[in-house]
Amino acid sequence: MTKNKCFILCIPFLLICATAGAERLVDELLADYDKVETVSCEVRRTTEIDGRKVRALSRVQYARPDRINVHSRAPIKRRHVADGERLYYYVEGDPKGFSRPIDQLDRDWLISLRQVPGSPMNHLLEIGKAQEDELPATTEFPVRRGYATDKPYIVLSLDADGRLAQVEYFETAALDKRVLICRYEDFSEPLPGVWIPKLHKSEFSMHGVSKDDSVQFVNMIFNETVAANIFNAELYFKGVEFVDDFEQIYK
């Protein structure tokens, strides 16, 4: 076999190897957040719907794997705790609470549980295994990728420093009707290569309904030891009866 023939035959193999080795942007971003083991912070959210503003305040403590304690103090007092095996959720004054093993939780609950506080991981987890499309760069965002999920078409945009600075949801891959835009600002780098935006701004609009959110993450502490009893549900829900279906809470 001549050298030229050998080279030609090798080209398809090389192309296959290059394709197999190419990692999706969404996977690279998720891998960066794997460096975060624990987070403690406060969350201040302002939501505006049709000109009416609602402010919420929460304290969050998070630890891998699948442990979290979220205490919301306003406007409604509620708490949800996951101990690595089971999640508990209770709104103060309700007749019952909600609880279910983690491996039986709905997808939205799992995303909320596994999102590193302050990160935009909820969007990355929602993308799942969707195919990645390379999109044209813009002056503001030199790297853009699109993903066709079961419902929205999700676009990730990185700024000049390689930080996920914007996420958009469109009805289709045509990008002609946007329903959600999330902008991320005030970045910190608590761990090498881990960018945490301490200010999240989002605008949602669909079927005549619009909602604006502004979320601030303050007093953030990363990868310091969190006491194990923080995730012990028995300490917070004395006398509360739990059911595994939200519809059963008020029955």
Protein backbone atom coordinates (compact mmCIF):
# COMPACT_ATOMS: atom_id res chain seq x y z
CA MET A 1 0.00 0.00 0.00
CA THR A 2 1.37 3.41 -0.96
CA LYS A 3 1.78 6.18 1.58
CA ASN A 4 -0.93 8.27 -0.14
CA LYS A 5 -3.48 5.44 0.03
CA CYS A 6 -2.65 4.84 3.69
CA PHE A 7 -3.14 8.52 4.48
CA ILE A 8 -6.51 8.62 2.69
CA LEU A 9 -7.74 5.54 4.54
CA CYS A 10 -6.69 7.03 7.87
CA ILE A 11 -8.64 10.28 7.39
CA PRO A 12 -12.07 8.82 8.36
CA PHE A 13 -10.55 7.24 11.47
CA LEU A 14 -8.96 10.53 12.49
CA LEU A 15 -12.23 12.37 11.98
CA ILE A 16 -14.09 9.84 14.12
CA CYS A 17 -11.53 10.20 16.91
CA ALA A 18 -11.70 14.00 16.79
CA THR A 19 -15.50 13.94 16.97
CA ALA A 20 -15.53 11.44 19.81
CA GLY A 21 -13.06 13.52 21.79
CA ALA A 22 -14.95 16.79 21.39
CA GLU A 23 -16.74 17.62 24.63
CA ARG A 24 -19.90 19.69 24.68
CA LEU A 25 -19.64 23.12 26.26
CA VAL A 26 -22.44 22.27 28.68
CA ASP A 27 -20.44 19.29 29.97
CA GLU A 28 -17.31 21.38 30.43
CA LEU A 29 -19.25 23.94 32.45
CA LEU A 30 -20.83 21.27 34.64
CA ALA A 31 -17.41 19.71 35.27
CA ASP A 32 -16.15 23.06 36.63
CA TYR A 33 -18.95 23.14 39.21
CA ASP A 34 -18.01 19.63 40.34
CA LYS A 35 -15.19 21.32 42.28
CA VAL A 36 -17.75 22.79 44.70
CA GLU A 37 -18.38 20.53 47.70
CA THR A 38 -20.25 22.86 50.06
CA VAL A 39 -21.88 26.29 49.95
CA SER A 40 -23.44 28.51 52.61
CA CYS A 41 -25.13 31.77 51.59
CA GLU A 42 -28.12 34.08 51.82
CA VAL A 43 -30.44 34.66 48.87
CA ARG A 44 -32.38 37.87 48.31
CA ARG A 45 -34.96 37.74 45.51
CA THR A 46 -37.20 40.45 44.11
CA THR A 47 -39.95 39.31 41.73
CA GLU A 48 -42.09 41.73 39.76
CA ILE A 49 -45.32 40.57 38.08
CA ASP A 50 -47.55 43.14 36.38
CA GLY A 51 -46.02 45.97 38.38
CA ARG A 52 -46.33 44.23 41.75
CA LYS A 53 -43.12 43.41 43.61
CA VAL A 54 -42.57 40.53 46.02
CA ARG A 55 -39.37 40.18 48.03
CA ALA A 56 -38.08 36.87 49.38
CA LEU A 57 -35.24 36.06 51.75
CA SER A 58 -33.68 32.63 52.26
CA ARG A 59 -30.71 30.99 53.95
CA VAL A 60 -29.13 28.11 52.03
CA GLN A 61 -26.68 25.43 53.09
CA TYR A 62 -25.60 22.90 50.50
CA ALA A 63 -23.31 19.85 50.45
CA ARG A 64 -22.63 17.03 48.04
CA PRO A 65 -24.11 14.56 47.55
CA ASP A 66 -27.80 15.55 47.60
CA ARG A 67 -27.84 17.45 50.88
CA ILE A 68 -29.44 20.85 51.28
CA ASN A 69 -31.19 23.02 53.86
CA VAL A 70 -33.17 25.99 52.52
CA HIS A 71 -34.94 28.15 55.08
CA SER A 72 -37.16 30.78 53.47
CA ARG A 73 -38.18 33.48 55.94
CA ALA A 74 -40.18 35.82 53.68
CA PRO A 75 -42.76 36.27 52.30
CA ILE A 76 -43.78 32.75 53.40
CA LYS A 77 -41.94 30.76 56.05
CA ARG A 78 -40.98 27.40 54.63
CA ARG A 79 -38.10 24.97 54.69
CA HIS A 80 -36.87 22.06 52.65
CA VAL A 81 -34.18 19.68 53.79
CA ALA A 82 -32.52 16.80 51.97
CA ASP A 83 -30.26 14.42 53.88
CA GLY A 84 -28.76 12.56 50.91
CA GLU A 85 -31.51 9.96 50.83
CA ARG A 86 -34.81 11.78 51.28
CA LEU A 87 -36.21 15.28 50.77
CA TYR A 88 -38.62 17.03 53.16
CA TYR A 89 -40.59 20.19 52.38
CA TYR A 90 -42.92 22.08 54.73
CA VAL A 91 -44.69 25.44 54.64
CA GLU A 92 -45.37 26.83 58.11
CA GLY A 93 -49.07 26.56 58.94
CA ASP A 94 -49.86 23.84 56.39
CA PRO A 95 -51.60 20.71 57.74
CA LYS A 96 -48.93 18.43 56.24
CA GLY A 97 -45.59 18.48 54.50
CA PHE A 98 -44.23 16.82 51.37
CA SER A 99 -41.53 14.13 51.45
CA ARG A 100 -40.17 11.62 48.99
CA PRO A 101 -36.98 9.54 48.52
CA ILE A 102 -34.50 11.43 46.37
CA ASP A 103 -34.41 8.71 43.73
CA GLN A 104 -38.19 9.16 43.30
CA LEU A 105 -38.22 12.96 42.96
CA ASP A 106 -39.51 14.69 39.86
CA ARG A 107 -36.92 16.15 37.50
CA ASP A 108 -37.52 19.75 38.61
CA TRP A 109 -36.93 18.84 42.25
CA LEU A 110 -33.71 17.01 41.34
CA ILE A 111 -32.41 19.98 39.37
CA SER A 112 -33.15 22.31 42.28
CA LEU A 113 -31.46 19.92 44.70
CA ARG A 114 -28.30 19.44 42.62
CA GLN A 115 -27.78 23.01 41.47
CA VAL A 116 -24.80 24.63 43.19
CA PRO A 117 -26.26 27.73 44.90
CA GLY A 118 -25.44 30.88 42.96
CA SER A 119 -24.58 28.98 39.79
CA PRO A 120 -26.62 28.78 36.56
CA MET A 121 -26.48 24.98 36.77
CA ASN A 122 -30.26 24.64 36.58
CA HIS A 123 -30.09 25.51 32.89
CA LEU A 124 -27.18 23.16 32.26
CA LEU A 125 -28.96 20.27 33.97
CA GLU A 126 -32.13 21.00 32.03
CA ILE A 127 -30.19 20.69 28.77
CA GLY A 128 -29.28 17.12 29.66
CA LYS A 129 -27.96 15.14 26.69
CA ALA A 130 -29.38 17.44 24.00
CA GLN A 131 -27.32 17.88 20.85
CA GLU A 132 -25.08 20.94 20.84
CA ASP A 133 -25.20 23.44 17.95
CA GLU A 134 -22.50 26.04 17.38
CA LEU A 135 -24.04 29.49 16.91
CA PRO A 136 -22.54 32.67 15.42
CA ALA A 137 -20.50 34.78 17.81
CA THR A 138 -21.46 38.34 18.72
CA THR A 139 -19.35 41.27 19.87
CA GLU A 140 -20.47 40.70 23.46
CA PHE A 141 -20.47 36.90 23.39
CA PRO A 142 -17.65 35.26 21.40
CA VAL A 143 -18.89 31.75 22.29
CA ARG A 144 -22.53 30.71 21.82
CA ARG A 145 -24.07 27.24 21.80
CA GLY A 146 -27.65 26.08 21.23
CA TYR A 147 -29.51 22.98 22.44
CA ALA A 148 -32.83 21.54 21.27
CA THR A 149 -34.44 20.12 24.41
CA ASP A 150 -37.88 18.51 24.69
CA LYS A 151 -39.51 21.94 25.04
CA PRO A 152 -37.44 25.14 24.69
CA TYR A 153 -34.39 25.75 22.53
CA ILE A 154 -31.73 26.88 24.99
CA VAL A 155 -28.83 29.17 24.07
CA LEU A 156 -25.74 29.55 26.27
CA SER A 157 -23.52 32.61 25.77
CA LEU A 158 -20.03 33.04 27.21
CA ASP A 159 -18.38 36.42 27.66
CA ALA A 160 -14.80 37.31 26.67
CA ASP A 161 -13.52 35.80 29.94
CA GLY A 162 -15.18 32.44 29.23
CA ARG A 163 -17.92 32.90 31.85
CA LEU A 164 -21.52 31.85 31.28
CA ALA A 165 -23.03 35.33 31.23
CA GLN A 166 -26.36 34.79 29.49
CA VAL A 167 -28.91 32.03 28.96
CA GLU A 168 -31.89 32.35 26.61
CA TYR A 169 -34.93 30.14 26.01
CA PHE A 170 -36.63 30.23 22.60
CA GLU A 171 -39.72 28.42 21.39
CA THR A 172 -37.78 26.93 18.45
CA ALA A 173 -34.27 26.72 16.98
CA ALA A 174 -35.24 29.55 14.61
CA LEU A 175 -34.61 31.92 17.56
CA ASP A 176 -37.55 34.05 16.47
CA LYS A 177 -39.52 34.01 19.73
CA ARG A 178 -37.69 34.31 23.02
CA VAL A 179 -39.59 33.46 26.19
CA LEU A 180 -36.84 33.81 28.81
CA ILE A 181 -33.53 35.61 29.14
CA CYS A 182 -31.23 35.27 32.17
CA ARG A 183 -28.29 37.61 32.62
CA TYR A 184 -25.47 36.94 35.10
CA GLU A 185 -23.34 39.66 36.67
CA ASP A 186 -20.97 40.44 39.56
CA PHE A 187 -18.83 37.32 39.14
CA SER A 188 -16.52 35.87 41.76
CA GLU A 189 -14.05 33.00 41.43
CA PRO A 190 -14.11 31.19 44.80
CA LEU A 191 -12.24 28.20 43.33
CA PRO A 192 -9.95 28.05 40.28
CA GLY A 193 -12.09 27.99 37.15
CA VAL A 194 -15.37 28.20 39.08
CA TRP A 195 -17.27 31.37 38.21
CA ILE A 196 -20.20 32.29 40.43
CA PRO A 197 -22.41 35.24 39.42
CA LYS A 198 -23.69 36.88 42.58
CA LEU A 199 -26.40 38.76 40.69
CA HIS A 200 -28.97 36.97 38.51
CA LYS A 201 -31.49 38.92 36.42
CA SER A 202 -34.21 37.26 34.36
CA GLU A 203 -37.14 38.31 32.18
CA PHE A 204 -39.91 35.85 31.29
CA SER A 205 -42.75 36.48 28.85
CA MET A 206 -45.27 34.01 27.45
CA HIS A 207 -48.99 34.06 26.62
CA GLY A 208 -49.38 37.59 27.94
CA VAL A 209 -47.73 36.81 31.28
CA SER A 210 -44.49 38.59 32.15
CA LYS A 211 -42.24 38.22 35.18
CA ASP A 212 -38.94 39.87 36.12
CA ASP A 213 -36.61 38.42 38.74
CA SER A 214 -33.53 39.87 40.42
CA VAL A 215 -31.63 37.53 42.75
CA GLN A 216 -28.62 38.43 44.89
CA PHE A 217 -26.37 35.90 46.60
CA VAL A 218 -24.53 37.32 49.61
CA ASN A 219 -22.21 36.09 52.36
CA MET A 220 -21.15 33.15 50.20
CA ILE A 221 -18.78 30.58 51.72
CA PHE A 222 -17.41 27.69 49.66
CA ASN A 223 -15.92 24.32 50.57
CA GLU A 224 -15.89 24.80 54.31
CA THR A 225 -17.15 22.01 56.55
CA VAL A 226 -20.89 22.08 57.19
CA ALA A 227 -22.13 20.38 60.37
CA ALA A 228 -23.89 17.10 59.54
CA ASN A 229 -26.91 17.89 61.75
CA ILE A 230 -27.75 20.84 59.47
CA PHE A 231 -29.29 18.23 57.16
CA ASN A 232 -31.12 16.28 59.87
CA ALA A 233 -34.81 16.78 59.12
CA GLU A 234 -35.88 15.60 62.58
CA LEU A 235 -34.50 18.83 64.05
CA TYR A 236 -36.85 21.04 62.02
CA PHE A 237 -40.15 19.24 61.56
CA LYS A 238 -41.32 18.19 65.02
CA GLY A 239 -44.83 16.77 64.84
CA VAL A 240 -45.23 17.34 61.09
CA GLU A 241 -46.95 14.62 59.08
CA PHE A 242 -45.53 14.11 55.59
CA VAL A 243 -47.17 12.78 52.42
CA ASP A 244 -45.58 11.94 49.06
CA ASP A 245 -48.13 13.84 46.94
CA PHE A 246 -48.71 17.60 47.06
CA GLU A 247 -52.43 17.10 46.46
CA GLN A 248 -52.65 15.15 49.72
CA ILE A 249 -51.30 18.01 51.85
CA TYR A 250 -54.69 19.68 52.23
CA LYS A 251 -56.84 16.54 52.36
